[in-house]
């Protein structure tokens, strides 16, 4: 809870890897995120830093390699 408000979106220990020819490519490493109702956030980073991957996982369009995403307390 932030400021006594329950989290709208919670991301706990999120990891994402993609298989490549010589092993796995780590795209997201141990990401933690909380958002409460009424909060405005921006996701910033350089090209290839995992912004779109993060947003796809939060939206439920892609599976994390490890970790959990919850919307209003329910797993996405």
C-alpha atoms as a PDB file:
ATOM      1  CA  UNK A   1       0.000   0.000   0.000  1.00  0.00           C
ATOM      2  CA  UNK A   2       1.194   3.462  -0.850  1.00  0.00           C
ATOM      3  CA  UNK A   3      -0.306   6.299   1.203  1.00  0.00           C
ATOM      4  CA  UNK A   4      -2.862   3.820   2.570  1.00  0.00           C
ATOM      5  CA  UNK A   5      -4.241   3.016  -0.877  1.00  0.00           C
ATOM      6  CA  UNK A   6      -4.296  -0.582  -2.114  1.00  0.00           C
ATOM      7  CA  UNK A   7      -2.190  -1.204  -5.209  1.00  0.00           C
ATOM      8  CA  UNK A   8      -3.908  -1.155  -8.585  1.00  0.00           C
ATOM      9  CA  UNK A   9      -0.983  -2.924 -10.295  1.00  0.00           C
ATOM     10  CA  UNK A  10       1.789  -4.834  -8.530  1.00  0.00           C
ATOM     11  CA  UNK A  11       4.834  -6.404 -10.174  1.00  0.00           C
ATOM     12  CA  UNK A  12       7.038  -8.623  -8.005  1.00  0.00           C
ATOM     13  CA  UNK A  13      10.465  -9.975  -8.945  1.00  0.00           C
ATOM     14  CA  UNK A  14       9.768  -9.919 -12.694  1.00  0.00           C
ATOM     15  CA  UNK A  15      12.308 -11.548 -15.012  1.00  0.00           C
ATOM     16  CA  UNK A  16      12.081 -12.084 -18.762  1.00  0.00           C
ATOM     17  CA  UNK A  17      14.531 -13.993 -20.917  1.00  0.00           C
ATOM     18  CA  UNK A  18      14.401 -14.923 -24.579  1.00  0.00           C
ATOM     19  CA  UNK A  19      16.242 -17.877 -26.078  1.00  0.00           C
ATOM     20  CA  UNK A  20      19.029 -16.954 -28.512  1.00  0.00           C
ATOM     21  CA  UNK A  21      21.570 -19.084 -30.367  1.00  0.00           C
ATOM     22  CA  UNK A  22      24.187 -18.997 -27.592  1.00  0.00           C
ATOM     23  CA  UNK A  23      21.869 -19.267 -24.542  1.00  0.00           C
ATOM     24  CA  UNK A  24      19.271 -16.907 -23.101  1.00  0.00           C
ATOM     25  CA  UNK A  25      19.075 -13.128 -23.398  1.00  0.00           C
ATOM     26  CA  UNK A  26      18.022 -11.422 -20.163  1.00  0.00           C
ATOM     27  CA  UNK A  27      15.682  -8.527 -20.956  1.00  0.00           C
ATOM     28  CA  UNK A  28      14.116  -7.768 -17.553  1.00  0.00           C
ATOM     29  CA  UNK A  29      15.865  -8.497 -14.260  1.00  0.00           C
ATOM     30  CA  UNK A  30      14.114  -8.472 -10.868  1.00  0.00           C
ATOM     31  CA  UNK A  31      11.679  -5.642 -11.666  1.00  0.00           C
ATOM     32  CA  UNK A  32       9.517  -4.350  -8.805  1.00  0.00           C
ATOM     33  CA  UNK A  33       6.664  -1.924  -9.492  1.00  0.00           C
ATOM     34  CA  UNK A  34       3.587  -0.602  -7.679  1.00  0.00           C
ATOM     35  CA  UNK A  35       0.880   1.716  -8.952  1.00  0.00           C
ATOM     36  CA  UNK A  36      -2.076   3.015  -6.941  1.00  0.00           C
ATOM     37  CA  UNK A  37      -5.326   4.498  -8.289  1.00  0.00           C
ATOM     38  CA  UNK A  38      -4.931   8.104  -9.397  1.00  0.00           C
ATOM     39  CA  UNK A  39      -1.163   7.818  -9.864  1.00  0.00           C
ATOM     40  CA  UNK A  40       0.378   8.817 -13.196  1.00  0.00           C
ATOM     41  CA  UNK A  41       3.530   7.018 -14.317  1.00  0.00           C
ATOM     42  CA  UNK A  42       5.812   6.944 -17.353  1.00  0.00           C
ATOM     43  CA  UNK A  43       8.041   4.108 -18.516  1.00  0.00           C
ATOM     44  CA  UNK A  44      11.296   5.523 -19.855  1.00  0.00           C
ATOM     45  CA  UNK A  45      14.467   3.938 -21.169  1.00  0.00           C
ATOM     46  CA  UNK A  46      16.726   3.645 -24.150  1.00  0.00           C
ATOM     47  CA  UNK A  47      15.925   1.489 -27.158  1.00  0.00           C
ATOM     48  CA  UNK A  48      16.105  -2.204 -26.313  1.00  0.00           C
ATOM     49  CA  UNK A  49      15.852  -1.732 -22.551  1.00  0.00           C
ATOM     50  CA  UNK A  50      12.654  -3.814 -22.183  1.00  0.00           C
ATOM     51  CA  UNK A  51       9.937  -1.132 -21.952  1.00  0.00           C
ATOM     52  CA  UNK A  52       7.582  -2.790 -24.439  1.00  0.00           C
ATOM     53  CA  UNK A  53       8.288  -6.234 -23.001  1.00  0.00           C
ATOM     54  CA  UNK A  54       7.420  -4.943 -19.520  1.00  0.00           C
ATOM     55  CA  UNK A  55       4.159  -3.377 -20.727  1.00  0.00           C
ATOM     56  CA  UNK A  56       3.160  -6.535 -22.656  1.00  0.00           C
ATOM     57  CA  UNK A  57       3.684  -8.625 -19.521  1.00  0.00           C
ATOM     58  CA  UNK A  58       1.713  -6.177 -17.338  1.00  0.00           C
ATOM     59  CA  UNK A  59      -1.128  -6.240 -19.891  1.00  0.00           C
ATOM     60  CA  UNK A  60      -1.164 -10.047 -19.834  1.00  0.00           C
ATOM     61  CA  UNK A  61      -0.101 -10.359 -23.474  1.00  0.00           C
ATOM     62  CA  UNK A  62       3.202 -12.074 -22.681  1.00  0.00           C
ATOM     63  CA  UNK A  63       4.322 -14.454 -19.933  1.00  0.00           C
ATOM     64  CA  UNK A  64       7.145 -13.533 -17.567  1.00  0.00           C
ATOM     65  CA  UNK A  65      10.009 -16.005 -17.239  1.00  0.00           C
ATOM     66  CA  UNK A  66       9.748 -15.521 -13.495  1.00  0.00           C
ATOM     67  CA  UNK A  67       7.812 -13.295 -11.121  1.00  0.00           C
ATOM     68  CA  UNK A  68       4.228 -12.188 -10.747  1.00  0.00           C
ATOM     69  CA  UNK A  69       1.944  -9.412 -11.969  1.00  0.00           C
ATOM     70  CA  UNK A  70      -1.273  -8.632 -10.100  1.00  0.00           C
ATOM     71  CA  UNK A  71      -4.125  -6.290 -11.021  1.00  0.00           C
ATOM     72  CA  UNK A  72      -6.301  -5.359  -8.046  1.00  0.00           C
ATOM     73  CA  UNK A  73      -4.795  -8.315  -6.180  1.00  0.00           C
ATOM     74  CA  UNK A  74      -5.506 -10.927  -8.871  1.00  0.00           C
ATOM     75  CA  UNK A  75      -2.739 -12.543 -10.892  1.00  0.00           C
ATOM     76  CA  UNK A  76      -2.628 -11.398 -14.528  1.00  0.00           C
END
